[in-house]
């Protein structure tokens, strides 16, 4: 890695690009490629520089809400696949394929004979 390559990505212009790519739905690997770095370098930068980490989280949050709303709308309009997906992820203890039972020690056990 060229010394100081991260400096551009800490400036306003670089952070705006990072946020935009995250908002557009790019993965960290794709964002790293756009930056001209490896994914492992981007992961390192996210650990070292809160500005980069926070910017990527902020950008991803926008598109995550859009997808969540689209899924909810599909579920509410009667799309059974969307309904099943929503319930299994929002209420897994109640809607998972294999029910979960609480043990006396506080642990959980998956019931296979249902």
PDB file of N, CA and C in Angstrom:
ATOM      1  N   UNK A   1       0.844  -1.182   0.000  1.00  0.00           N
ATOM      2  CA  UNK A   1       0.000   0.000   0.000  1.00  0.00           C
ATOM      3  C   UNK A   1       0.883   1.238   0.000  1.00  0.00           C
ATOM      4  N   UNK A   2       0.533   2.162  -0.848  1.00  0.00           N
ATOM      5  CA  UNK A   2       1.292   3.413  -0.884  1.00  0.00           C
ATOM      6  C   UNK A   2       1.085   4.155   0.427  1.00  0.00           C
ATOM      7  N   UNK A   3       2.151   4.716   0.939  1.00  0.00           N
ATOM      8  CA  UNK A   3       2.084   5.424   2.212  1.00  0.00           C
ATOM      9  C   UNK A   3       1.106   6.596   2.097  1.00  0.00           C
ATOM     10  N   UNK A   4       0.179   6.660   3.057  1.00  0.00           N
ATOM     11  CA  UNK A   4      -0.756   7.766   3.096  1.00  0.00           C
ATOM     12  C   UNK A   4      -1.919   7.657   2.135  1.00  0.00           C
ATOM     13  N   UNK A   5      -2.115   6.511   1.488  1.00  0.00           N
ATOM     14  CA  UNK A   5      -3.213   6.365   0.537  1.00  0.00           C
ATOM     15  C   UNK A   5      -4.569   6.571   1.209  1.00  0.00           C
ATOM     16  N   UNK A   6      -4.657   6.243   2.472  1.00  0.00           N
ATOM     17  CA  UNK A   6      -5.909   6.390   3.206  1.00  0.00           C
ATOM     18  C   UNK A   6      -6.291   7.856   3.421  1.00  0.00           C
ATOM     19  N   UNK A   7      -5.294   8.756   3.338  1.00  0.00           N
ATOM     20  CA  UNK A   7      -5.560  10.160   3.655  1.00  0.00           C
ATOM     21  C   UNK A   7      -6.654  10.763   2.783  1.00  0.00           C
ATOM     22  N   UNK A   8      -6.669  10.414   1.503  1.00  0.00           N
ATOM     23  CA  UNK A   8      -7.703  10.941   0.612  1.00  0.00           C
ATOM     24  C   UNK A   8      -9.087  10.518   1.101  1.00  0.00           C
ATOM     25  N   UNK A   9      -9.198   9.272   1.576  1.00  0.00           N
ATOM     26  CA  UNK A   9     -10.491   8.727   1.969  1.00  0.00           C
ATOM     27  C   UNK A   9     -10.986   9.268   3.308  1.00  0.00           C
ATOM     28  N   UNK A  10     -10.132  10.018   4.010  1.00  0.00           N
ATOM     29  CA  UNK A  10     -10.531  10.677   5.247  1.00  0.00           C
ATOM     30  C   UNK A  10     -11.001  12.115   4.998  1.00  0.00           C
ATOM     31  N   UNK A  11     -10.766  12.611   3.782  1.00  0.00           N
ATOM     32  CA  UNK A  11     -11.212  13.960   3.419  1.00  0.00           C
ATOM     33  C   UNK A  11     -12.683  13.926   3.017  1.00  0.00           C
ATOM     34  N   UNK A  12     -13.298  15.086   3.019  1.00  0.00           N
ATOM     35  CA  UNK A  12     -14.729  15.208   2.732  1.00  0.00           C
ATOM     36  C   UNK A  12     -15.112  14.522   1.423  1.00  0.00           C
ATOM     37  N   UNK A  13     -14.357  14.783   0.370  1.00  0.00           N
ATOM     38  CA  UNK A  13     -14.666  14.210  -0.943  1.00  0.00           C
ATOM     39  C   UNK A  13     -14.596  12.689  -0.918  1.00  0.00           C
ATOM     40  N   UNK A  14     -13.555  12.145  -0.299  1.00  0.00           N
ATOM     41  CA  UNK A  14     -13.407  10.695  -0.214  1.00  0.00           C
ATOM     42  C   UNK A  14     -14.509  10.054   0.604  1.00  0.00           C
ATOM     43  N   UNK A  15     -14.859  10.675   1.720  1.00  0.00           N
ATOM     44  CA  UNK A  15     -15.924  10.143   2.568  1.00  0.00           C
ATOM     45  C   UNK A  15     -17.269  10.182   1.848  1.00  0.00           C
ATOM     46  N   UNK A  16     -17.502  11.216   1.058  1.00  0.00           N
ATOM     47  CA  UNK A  16     -18.749  11.298   0.290  1.00  0.00           C
ATOM     48  C   UNK A  16     -18.833  10.160  -0.726  1.00  0.00           C
ATOM     49  N   UNK A  17     -17.708   9.860  -1.379  1.00  0.00           N
ATOM     50  CA  UNK A  17     -17.699   8.741  -2.329  1.00  0.00           C
ATOM     51  C   UNK A  17     -17.986   7.423  -1.615  1.00  0.00           C
ATOM     52  N   UNK A  18     -17.323   7.215  -0.473  1.00  0.00           N
ATOM     53  CA  UNK A  18     -17.533   5.982   0.282  1.00  0.00           C
ATOM     54  C   UNK A  18     -19.000   5.823   0.681  1.00  0.00           C
ATOM     55  N   UNK A  19     -19.587   6.897   1.194  1.00  0.00           N
ATOM     56  CA  UNK A  19     -20.986   6.839   1.621  1.00  0.00           C
ATOM     57  C   UNK A  19     -21.911   6.571   0.438  1.00  0.00           C
ATOM     58  N   UNK A  20     -21.628   7.203  -0.672  1.00  0.00           N
ATOM     59  CA  UNK A  20     -22.446   6.993  -1.866  1.00  0.00           C
ATOM     60  C   UNK A  20     -22.378   5.567  -2.371  1.00  0.00           C
ATOM     61  N   UNK A  21     -21.187   4.997  -2.396  1.00  0.00           N
ATOM     62  CA  UNK A  21     -21.047   3.604  -2.839  1.00  0.00           C
ATOM     63  C   UNK A  21     -21.781   2.663  -1.904  1.00  0.00           C
ATOM     64  N   UNK A  22     -21.683   2.914  -0.598  1.00  0.00           N
ATOM     65  CA  UNK A  22     -22.384   2.080   0.372  1.00  0.00           C
ATOM     66  C   UNK A  22     -23.896   2.225   0.189  1.00  0.00           C
ATOM     67  N   UNK A  23     -24.357   3.450  -0.031  1.00  0.00           N
ATOM     68  CA  UNK A  23     -25.781   3.712  -0.236  1.00  0.00           C
ATOM     69  C   UNK A  23     -26.279   3.057  -1.521  1.00  0.00           C
ATOM     70  N   UNK A  24     -25.406   2.961  -2.518  1.00  0.00           N
ATOM     71  CA  UNK A  24     -25.773   2.318  -3.785  1.00  0.00           C
ATOM     72  C   UNK A  24     -25.826   0.798  -3.672  1.00  0.00           C
ATOM     73  N   UNK A  25     -25.446   0.264  -2.506  1.00  0.00           N
ATOM     74  CA  UNK A  25     -25.539  -1.173  -2.281  1.00  0.00           C
ATOM     75  C   UNK A  25     -24.275  -1.951  -2.571  1.00  0.00           C
ATOM     76  N   UNK A  26     -23.160  -1.262  -2.814  1.00  0.00           N
ATOM     77  CA  UNK A  26     -21.914  -1.978  -3.066  1.00  0.00           C
ATOM     78  C   UNK A  26     -21.443  -2.691  -1.798  1.00  0.00           C
ATOM     79  N   UNK A  27     -20.816  -3.840  -1.978  1.00  0.00           N
ATOM     80  CA  UNK A  27     -20.240  -4.577  -0.858  1.00  0.00           C
ATOM     81  C   UNK A  27     -18.911  -3.935  -0.474  1.00  0.00           C
ATOM     82  N   UNK A  28     -18.394  -4.300   0.686  1.00  0.00           N
ATOM     83  CA  UNK A  28     -17.086  -3.790   1.093  1.00  0.00           C
ATOM     84  C   UNK A  28     -16.013  -4.163   0.074  1.00  0.00           C
ATOM     85  N   UNK A  29     -16.120  -5.342  -0.496  1.00  0.00           N
ATOM     86  CA  UNK A  29     -15.133  -5.778  -1.497  1.00  0.00           C
ATOM     87  C   UNK A  29     -15.189  -4.888  -2.735  1.00  0.00           C
ATOM     88  N   UNK A  30     -16.387  -4.537  -3.167  1.00  0.00           N
ATOM     89  CA  UNK A  30     -16.546  -3.659  -4.330  1.00  0.00           C
ATOM     90  C   UNK A  30     -16.061  -2.247  -4.015  1.00  0.00           C
ATOM     91  N   UNK A  31     -16.348  -1.780  -2.807  1.00  0.00           N
ATOM     92  CA  UNK A  31     -15.892  -0.453  -2.396  1.00  0.00           C
ATOM     93  C   UNK A  31     -14.373  -0.416  -2.356  1.00  0.00           C
ATOM     94  N   UNK A  32     -13.763  -1.457  -1.803  1.00  0.00           N
ATOM     95  CA  UNK A  32     -12.302  -1.532  -1.756  1.00  0.00           C
ATOM     96  C   UNK A  32     -11.732  -1.485  -3.166  1.00  0.00           C
ATOM     97  N   UNK A  33     -12.330  -2.221  -4.078  1.00  0.00           N
ATOM     98  CA  UNK A  33     -11.877  -2.223  -5.468  1.00  0.00           C
ATOM     99  C   UNK A  33     -11.956  -0.823  -6.064  1.00  0.00           C
ATOM    100  N   UNK A  34     -13.051  -0.117  -5.788  1.00  0.00           N
ATOM    101  CA  UNK A  34     -13.192   1.259  -6.274  1.00  0.00           C
ATOM    102  C   UNK A  34     -12.120   2.181  -5.694  1.00  0.00           C
ATOM    103  N   UNK A  35     -11.690   1.888  -4.478  1.00  0.00           N
ATOM    104  CA  UNK A  35     -10.646   2.695  -3.825  1.00  0.00           C
ATOM    105  C   UNK A  35      -9.248   2.324  -4.308  1.00  0.00           C
ATOM    106  N   UNK A  36      -9.152   1.214  -5.029  1.00  0.00           N
ATOM    107  CA  UNK A  36      -7.839   0.754  -5.489  1.00  0.00           C
ATOM    108  C   UNK A  36      -7.049   0.037  -4.406  1.00  0.00           C
ATOM    109  N   UNK A  37      -7.774  -0.580  -3.471  1.00  0.00           N
ATOM    110  CA  UNK A  37      -7.139  -1.305  -2.370  1.00  0.00           C
ATOM    111  C   UNK A  37      -7.764  -2.690  -2.260  1.00  0.00           C
ATOM    112  N   UNK A  38      -7.176  -3.534  -1.422  1.00  0.00           N
ATOM    113  CA  UNK A  38      -7.759  -4.849  -1.174  1.00  0.00           C
ATOM    114  C   UNK A  38      -8.832  -4.730  -0.091  1.00  0.00           C
ATOM    115  N   UNK A  39      -9.692  -5.729  -0.041  1.00  0.00           N
ATOM    116  CA  UNK A  39     -10.736  -5.746   0.986  1.00  0.00           C
ATOM    117  C   UNK A  39     -10.120  -5.770   2.379  1.00  0.00           C
ATOM    118  N   UNK A  40      -9.022  -6.502   2.552  1.00  0.00           N
ATOM    119  CA  UNK A  40      -8.390  -6.565   3.873  1.00  0.00           C
ATOM    120  C   UNK A  40      -7.855  -5.195   4.297  1.00  0.00           C
ATOM    121  N   UNK A  41      -7.401  -4.400   3.341  1.00  0.00           N
ATOM    122  CA  UNK A  41      -6.954  -3.040   3.663  1.00  0.00           C
ATOM    123  C   UNK A  41      -8.134  -2.195   4.108  1.00  0.00           C
ATOM    124  N   UNK A  42      -9.276  -2.330   3.423  1.00  0.00           N
ATOM    125  CA  UNK A  42     -10.465  -1.578   3.821  1.00  0.00           C
ATOM    126  C   UNK A  42     -10.900  -1.987   5.228  1.00  0.00           C
ATOM    127  N   UNK A  43     -10.868  -3.288   5.531  1.00  0.00           N
ATOM    128  CA  UNK A  43     -11.244  -3.744   6.874  1.00  0.00           C
ATOM    129  C   UNK A  43     -10.309  -3.146   7.916  1.00  0.00           C
ATOM    130  N   UNK A  44      -9.031  -3.058   7.583  1.00  0.00           N
ATOM    131  CA  UNK A  44      -8.057  -2.445   8.487  1.00  0.00           C
ATOM    132  C   UNK A  44      -8.373  -0.966   8.692  1.00  0.00           C
ATOM    133  N   UNK A  45      -8.681  -0.274   7.614  1.00  0.00           N
ATOM    134  CA  UNK A  45      -9.024   1.153   7.705  1.00  0.00           C
ATOM    135  C   UNK A  45     -10.269   1.351   8.562  1.00  0.00           C
ATOM    136  N   UNK A  46     -11.252   0.467   8.414  1.00  0.00           N
ATOM    137  CA  UNK A  46     -12.483   0.590   9.201  1.00  0.00           C
ATOM    138  C   UNK A  46     -12.180   0.454  10.697  1.00  0.00           C
ATOM    139  N   UNK A  47     -11.221  -0.387  11.033  1.00  0.00           N
ATOM    140  CA  UNK A  47     -10.823  -0.548  12.436  1.00  0.00           C
ATOM    141  C   UNK A  47     -10.031   0.658  12.932  1.00  0.00           C
ATOM    142  N   UNK A  48      -9.175   1.199  12.078  1.00  0.00           N
ATOM    143  CA  UNK A  48      -8.271   2.291  12.476  1.00  0.00           C
ATOM    144  C   UNK A  48      -8.928   3.663  12.436  1.00  0.00           C
ATOM    145  N   UNK A  49      -9.855   3.871  11.505  1.00  0.00           N
ATOM    146  CA  UNK A  49     -10.416   5.200  11.289  1.00  0.00           C
ATOM    147  C   UNK A  49     -11.936   5.167  11.444  1.00  0.00           C
ATOM    148  N   UNK A  50     -12.416   5.702  12.566  1.00  0.00           N
ATOM    149  CA  UNK A  50     -13.860   5.694  12.812  1.00  0.00           C
ATOM    150  C   UNK A  50     -14.614   6.486  11.752  1.00  0.00           C
ATOM    151  N   UNK A  51     -13.976   7.487  11.155  1.00  0.00           N
ATOM    152  CA  UNK A  51     -14.647   8.271  10.121  1.00  0.00           C
ATOM    153  C   UNK A  51     -15.057   7.381   8.950  1.00  0.00           C
ATOM    154  N   UNK A  52     -14.171   6.486   8.547  1.00  0.00           N
ATOM    155  CA  UNK A  52     -14.460   5.584   7.427  1.00  0.00           C
ATOM    156  C   UNK A  52     -15.532   4.585   7.835  1.00  0.00           C
ATOM    157  N   UNK A  53     -15.377   3.978   9.002  1.00  0.00           N
ATOM    158  CA  UNK A  53     -16.349   3.004   9.486  1.00  0.00           C
ATOM    159  C   UNK A  53     -17.739   3.621   9.622  1.00  0.00           C
ATOM    160  N   UNK A  54     -17.823   4.787  10.252  1.00  0.00           N
ATOM    161  CA  UNK A  54     -19.106   5.453  10.451  1.00  0.00           C
ATOM    162  C   UNK A  54     -19.748   5.863   9.134  1.00  0.00           C
ATOM    163  N   UNK A  55     -18.930   6.316   8.196  1.00  0.00           N
ATOM    164  CA  UNK A  55     -19.437   6.732   6.891  1.00  0.00           C
ATOM    165  C   UNK A  55     -20.047   5.555   6.146  1.00  0.00           C
ATOM    166  N   UNK A  56     -19.360   4.421   6.153  1.00  0.00           N
ATOM    167  CA  UNK A  56     -19.880   3.231   5.476  1.00  0.00           C
ATOM    168  C   UNK A  56     -21.159   2.742   6.152  1.00  0.00           C
ATOM    169  N   UNK A  57     -21.198   2.756   7.468  1.00  0.00           N
ATOM    170  CA  UNK A  57     -22.421   2.346   8.184  1.00  0.00           C
ATOM    171  C   UNK A  57     -23.588   3.247   7.824  1.00  0.00           C
ATOM    172  N   UNK A  58     -23.339   4.536   7.785  1.00  0.00           N
ATOM    173  CA  UNK A  58     -24.386   5.509   7.467  1.00  0.00           C
ATOM    174  C   UNK A  58     -24.935   5.265   6.057  1.00  0.00           C
ATOM    175  N   UNK A  59     -24.045   5.027   5.111  1.00  0.00           N
ATOM    176  CA  UNK A  59     -24.484   4.784   3.740  1.00  0.00           C
ATOM    177  C   UNK A  59     -25.266   3.488   3.606  1.00  0.00           C
ATOM    178  N   UNK A  60     -24.814   2.437   4.275  1.00  0.00           N
ATOM    179  CA  UNK A  60     -25.490   1.146   4.189  1.00  0.00           C
ATOM    180  C   UNK A  60     -26.848   1.189   4.879  1.00  0.00           C
ATOM    181  N   UNK A  61     -26.962   1.988   5.918  1.00  0.00           N
ATOM    182  CA  UNK A  61     -28.207   2.087   6.669  1.00  0.00           C
ATOM    183  C   UNK A  61     -29.350   2.552   5.775  1.00  0.00           C
ATOM    184  N   UNK A  62     -29.075   3.490   4.886  1.00  0.00           N
ATOM    185  CA  UNK A  62     -30.104   4.034   4.001  1.00  0.00           C
ATOM    186  C   UNK A  62     -30.692   2.932   3.130  1.00  0.00           C
ATOM    187  N   UNK A  63     -29.845   2.187   2.459  1.00  0.00           N
ATOM    188  CA  UNK A  63     -30.342   1.156   1.548  1.00  0.00           C
ATOM    189  C   UNK A  63     -30.945  -0.010   2.333  1.00  0.00           C
ATOM    190  N   UNK A  64     -30.434  -0.302   3.513  1.00  0.00           N
ATOM    191  CA  UNK A  64     -31.019  -1.361   4.336  1.00  0.00           C
ATOM    192  C   UNK A  64     -32.460  -1.026   4.692  1.00  0.00           C
ATOM    193  N   UNK A  65     -32.737   0.243   5.042  1.00  0.00           N
ATOM    194  CA  UNK A  65     -34.106   0.658   5.344  1.00  0.00           C
ATOM    195  C   UNK A  65     -34.997   0.544   4.112  1.00  0.00           C
ATOM    196  N   UNK A  66     -34.476   0.897   2.963  1.00  0.00           N
ATOM    197  CA  UNK A  66     -35.267   0.802   1.733  1.00  0.00           C
ATOM    198  C   UNK A  66     -35.652  -0.640   1.443  1.00  0.00           C
ATOM    199  N   UNK A  67     -34.683  -1.558   1.605  1.00  0.00           N
ATOM    200  CA  UNK A  67     -34.961  -2.973   1.351  1.00  0.00           C
ATOM    201  C   UNK A  67     -35.933  -3.512   2.393  1.00  0.00           C
ATOM    202  N   UNK A  68     -35.729  -3.119   3.647  1.00  0.00           N
ATOM    203  CA  UNK A  68     -36.631  -3.556   4.711  1.00  0.00           C
ATOM    204  C   UNK A  68     -38.062  -3.093   4.420  1.00  0.00           C
ATOM    205  N   UNK A  69     -38.213  -1.854   4.012  1.00  0.00           N
ATOM    206  CA  UNK A  69     -39.546  -1.339   3.695  1.00  0.00           C
ATOM    207  C   UNK A  69     -40.161  -2.050   2.494  1.00  0.00           C
ATOM    208  N   UNK A  70     -39.347  -2.343   1.490  1.00  0.00           N
ATOM    209  CA  UNK A  70     -39.849  -3.055   0.314  1.00  0.00           C
ATOM    210  C   UNK A  70     -40.301  -4.459   0.695  1.00  0.00           C
ATOM    211  N   UNK A  71     -39.522  -5.137   1.550  1.00  0.00           N
ATOM    212  CA  UNK A  71     -39.894  -6.475   2.001  1.00  0.00           C
ATOM    213  C   UNK A  71     -41.188  -6.427   2.806  1.00  0.00           C
ATOM    214  N   UNK A  72     -41.293  -5.462   3.706  1.00  0.00           N
ATOM    215  CA  UNK A  72     -42.512  -5.318   4.498  1.00  0.00           C
ATOM    216  C   UNK A  72     -43.717  -5.068   3.595  1.00  0.00           C
ATOM    217  N   UNK A  73     -43.578  -4.204   2.615  1.00  0.00           N
ATOM    218  CA  UNK A  73     -44.682  -3.922   1.693  1.00  0.00           C
ATOM    219  C   UNK A  73     -45.110  -5.174   0.934  1.00  0.00           C
ATOM    220  N   UNK A  74     -44.131  -5.983   0.506  1.00  0.00           N
ATOM    221  CA  UNK A  74     -44.450  -7.236  -0.192  1.00  0.00           C
ATOM    222  C   UNK A  74     -45.183  -8.185   0.745  1.00  0.00           C
ATOM    223  N   UNK A  75     -44.701  -8.279   1.994  1.00  0.00           N
ATOM    224  CA  UNK A  75     -45.335  -9.163   2.968  1.00  0.00           C
ATOM    225  C   UNK A  75     -46.769  -8.722   3.244  1.00  0.00           C
ATOM    226  N   UNK A  76     -46.963  -7.442   3.419  1.00  0.00           N
ATOM    227  CA  UNK A  76     -48.305  -6.917   3.721  1.00  0.00           C
ATOM    228  C   UNK A  76     -49.250  -7.014   2.538  1.00  0.00           C
ATOM    229  N   UNK A  77     -48.700  -7.073   1.322  1.00  0.00           N
ATOM    230  CA  UNK A  77     -49.560  -7.181   0.138  1.00  0.00           C
ATOM    231  C   UNK A  77     -49.900  -8.635  -0.188  1.00  0.00           C
ATOM    232  N   UNK A  78     -49.468  -9.575   0.670  1.00  0.00           N
ATOM    233  CA  UNK A  78     -49.865 -10.966   0.486  1.00  0.00           C
ATOM    234  C   UNK A  78     -48.807 -11.884  -0.083  1.00  0.00           C
ATOM    235  N   UNK A  79     -47.603 -11.408  -0.301  1.00  0.00           N
ATOM    236  CA  UNK A  79     -46.526 -12.254  -0.820  1.00  0.00           C
ATOM    237  C   UNK A  79     -46.096 -13.212   0.294  1.00  0.00           C
ATOM    238  N   UNK A  80     -46.502 -14.484   0.164  1.00  0.00           N
ATOM    239  CA  UNK A  80     -46.245 -15.434   1.248  1.00  0.00           C
ATOM    240  C   UNK A  80     -44.761 -15.701   1.462  1.00  0.00           C
ATOM    241  N   UNK A  81     -43.965 -15.665   0.429  1.00  0.00           N
ATOM    242  CA  UNK A  81     -42.535 -15.852   0.601  1.00  0.00           C
ATOM    243  C   UNK A  81     -41.952 -14.729   1.451  1.00  0.00           C
ATOM    244  N   UNK A  82     -42.358 -13.500   1.173  1.00  0.00           N
ATOM    245  CA  UNK A  82     -41.905 -12.358   1.961  1.00  0.00           C
ATOM    246  C   UNK A  82     -42.400 -12.464   3.395  1.00  0.00           C
ATOM    247  N   UNK A  83     -43.630 -12.942   3.575  1.00  0.00           N
ATOM    248  CA  UNK A  83     -44.174 -13.098   4.922  1.00  0.00           C
ATOM    249  C   UNK A  83     -43.369 -14.117   5.731  1.00  0.00           C
ATOM    250  N   UNK A  84     -43.080 -15.250   5.109  1.00  0.00           N
ATOM    251  CA  UNK A  84     -42.302 -16.296   5.782  1.00  0.00           C
ATOM    252  C   UNK A  84     -40.919 -15.774   6.133  1.00  0.00           C
ATOM    253  N   UNK A  85     -40.266 -15.133   5.189  1.00  0.00           N
ATOM    254  CA  UNK A  85     -38.928 -14.589   5.431  1.00  0.00           C
ATOM    255  C   UNK A  85     -38.955 -13.588   6.579  1.00  0.00           C
ATOM    256  N   UNK A  86     -39.928 -12.691   6.550  1.00  0.00           N
ATOM    257  CA  UNK A  86     -40.051 -11.667   7.591  1.00  0.00           C
ATOM    258  C   UNK A  86     -40.226 -12.310   8.967  1.00  0.00           C
ATOM    259  N   UNK A  87     -41.162 -13.235   9.059  1.00  0.00           N
ATOM    260  CA  UNK A  87     -41.438 -13.848  10.358  1.00  0.00           C
ATOM    261  C   UNK A  87     -40.260 -14.663  10.881  1.00  0.00           C
ATOM    262  N   UNK A  88     -39.617 -15.422  10.019  1.00  0.00           N
ATOM    263  CA  UNK A  88     -38.477 -16.231  10.461  1.00  0.00           C
ATOM    264  C   UNK A  88     -37.325 -15.364  10.943  1.00  0.00           C
ATOM    265  N   UNK A  89     -37.183 -14.180  10.391  1.00  0.00           N
ATOM    266  CA  UNK A  89     -36.087 -13.304  10.795  1.00  0.00           C
ATOM    267  C   UNK A  89     -36.468 -12.367  11.934  1.00  0.00           C
ATOM    268  N   UNK A  90     -37.702 -11.942  11.994  1.00  0.00           N
ATOM    269  CA  UNK A  90     -38.122 -11.022  13.056  1.00  0.00           C
ATOM    270  C   UNK A  90     -38.507 -11.751  14.338  1.00  0.00           C
ATOM    271  N   UNK A  91     -39.027 -12.959  14.192  1.00  0.00           N
ATOM    272  CA  UNK A  91     -39.476 -13.717  15.360  1.00  0.00           C
ATOM    273  C   UNK A  91     -39.008 -15.162  15.248  1.00  0.00           C
ATOM    274  N   UNK A  92     -37.697 -15.368  15.239  1.00  0.00           N
ATOM    275  CA  UNK A  92     -37.169 -16.719  14.989  1.00  0.00           C
ATOM    276  C   UNK A  92     -37.577 -17.748  16.039  1.00  0.00           C
ATOM    277  N   UNK A  93     -37.717 -17.356  17.288  1.00  0.00           N
ATOM    278  CA  UNK A  93     -38.076 -18.314  18.321  1.00  0.00           C
ATOM    279  C   UNK A  93     -39.466 -18.909  18.076  1.00  0.00           C
ATOM    280  N   UNK A  94     -40.315 -18.143  17.430  1.00  0.00           N
ATOM    281  CA  UNK A  94     -41.680 -18.599  17.190  1.00  0.00           C
ATOM    282  C   UNK A  94     -41.875 -19.203  15.793  1.00  0.00           C
ATOM    283  N   UNK A  95     -41.109 -18.727  14.798  1.00  0.00           N
ATOM    284  CA  UNK A  95     -41.379 -19.088  13.410  1.00  0.00           C
ATOM    285  C   UNK A  95     -40.269 -19.872  12.718  1.00  0.00           C
ATOM    286  N   UNK A  96     -39.228 -20.249  13.412  1.00  0.00           N
ATOM    287  CA  UNK A  96     -38.165 -21.010  12.755  1.00  0.00           C
ATOM    288  C   UNK A  96     -38.667 -22.400  12.378  1.00  0.00           C
ATOM    289  N   UNK A  97     -37.964 -23.053  11.452  1.00  0.00           N
ATOM    290  CA  UNK A  97     -38.377 -24.385  10.998  1.00  0.00           C
ATOM    291  C   UNK A  97     -38.339 -25.403  12.131  1.00  0.00           C
ATOM    292  N   UNK A  98     -37.344 -25.291  12.990  1.00  0.00           N
ATOM    293  CA  UNK A  98     -37.210 -26.199  14.127  1.00  0.00           C
ATOM    294  C   UNK A  98     -37.406 -25.387  15.401  1.00  0.00           C
ATOM    295  N   UNK A  99     -38.447 -25.693  16.173  1.00  0.00           N
ATOM    296  CA  UNK A  99     -38.708 -24.916  17.391  1.00  0.00           C
ATOM    297  C   UNK A  99     -37.548 -24.984  18.387  1.00  0.00           C
ATOM    298  N   UNK A 100     -37.443 -23.955  19.185  1.00  0.00           N
ATOM    299  CA  UNK A 100     -36.398 -23.871  20.201  1.00  0.00           C
ATOM    300  C   UNK A 100     -37.042 -24.056  21.571  1.00  0.00           C
ATOM    301  N   UNK A 101     -36.393 -24.846  22.411  1.00  0.00           N
ATOM    302  CA  UNK A 101     -36.886 -25.068  23.764  1.00  0.00           C
ATOM    303  C   UNK A 101     -35.830 -24.596  24.752  1.00  0.00           C
ATOM    304  N   UNK A 102     -36.254 -23.897  25.783  1.00  0.00           N
ATOM    305  CA  UNK A 102     -35.346 -23.390  26.808  1.00  0.00           C
ATOM    306  C   UNK A 102     -34.999 -24.523  27.762  1.00  0.00           C
ATOM    307  N   UNK A 103     -33.693 -24.729  28.009  1.00  0.00           N
ATOM    308  CA  UNK A 103     -33.236 -25.712  28.984  1.00  0.00           C
ATOM    309  C   UNK A 103     -33.316 -25.128  30.386  1.00  0.00           C
ATOM    310  N   UNK A 104     -33.248 -25.989  31.389  1.00  0.00           N
ATOM    311  CA  UNK A 104     -33.292 -25.516  32.773  1.00  0.00           C
ATOM    312  C   UNK A 104     -32.072 -24.678  33.131  1.00  0.00           C
ATOM    313  N   UNK A 105     -30.955 -24.879  32.402  1.00  0.00           N
ATOM    314  CA  UNK A 105     -29.741 -24.100  32.681  1.00  0.00           C
ATOM    315  C   UNK A 105     -29.701 -22.786  31.899  1.00  0.00           C
ATOM    316  N   UNK A 106     -30.785 -22.448  31.222  1.00  0.00           N
ATOM    317  CA  UNK A 106     -30.847 -21.199  30.472  1.00  0.00           C
ATOM    318  C   UNK A 106     -30.427 -21.329  29.014  1.00  0.00           C
ATOM    319  N   UNK A 107     -29.889 -22.478  28.633  1.00  0.00           N
ATOM    320  CA  UNK A 107     -29.481 -22.699  27.246  1.00  0.00           C
ATOM    321  C   UNK A 107     -30.695 -23.039  26.392  1.00  0.00           C
ATOM    322  N   UNK A 108     -30.473 -23.136  25.110  1.00  0.00           N
ATOM    323  CA  UNK A 108     -31.554 -23.487  24.203  1.00  0.00           C
ATOM    324  C   UNK A 108     -31.254 -24.814  23.523  1.00  0.00           C
ATOM    325  N   UNK A 109     -32.305 -25.491  23.148  1.00  0.00           N
ATOM    326  CA  UNK A 109     -32.181 -26.768  22.467  1.00  0.00           C
ATOM    327  C   UNK A 109     -33.147 -26.774  21.297  1.00  0.00           C
ATOM    328  N   UNK A 110     -32.675 -27.190  20.141  1.00  0.00           N
ATOM    329  CA  UNK A 110     -33.540 -27.279  18.965  1.00  0.00           C
ATOM    330  C   UNK A 110     -34.250 -28.623  19.002  1.00  0.00           C
ATOM    331  N   UNK A 111     -35.564 -28.588  18.845  1.00  0.00           N
ATOM    332  CA  UNK A 111     -36.383 -29.794  18.873  1.00  0.00           C
ATOM    333  C   UNK A 111     -36.430 -30.365  17.469  1.00  0.00           C
ATOM    334  N   UNK A 112     -35.934 -31.608  17.282  1.00  0.00           N
ATOM    335  CA  UNK A 112     -35.870 -32.216  15.957  1.00  0.00           C
ATOM    336  C   UNK A 112     -37.084 -33.066  15.621  1.00  0.00           C
ATOM    337  N   UNK A 113     -37.857 -33.479  16.588  1.00  0.00           N
ATOM    338  CA  UNK A 113     -38.927 -34.431  16.320  1.00  0.00           C
ATOM    339  C   UNK A 113     -40.283 -33.771  16.113  1.00  0.00           C
ATOM    340  N   UNK A 114     -40.309 -32.568  15.605  1.00  0.00           N
ATOM    341  CA  UNK A 114     -41.581 -31.872  15.387  1.00  0.00           C
ATOM    342  C   UNK A 114     -41.993 -32.022  13.939  1.00  0.00           C
TER     343      UNK A 114
END
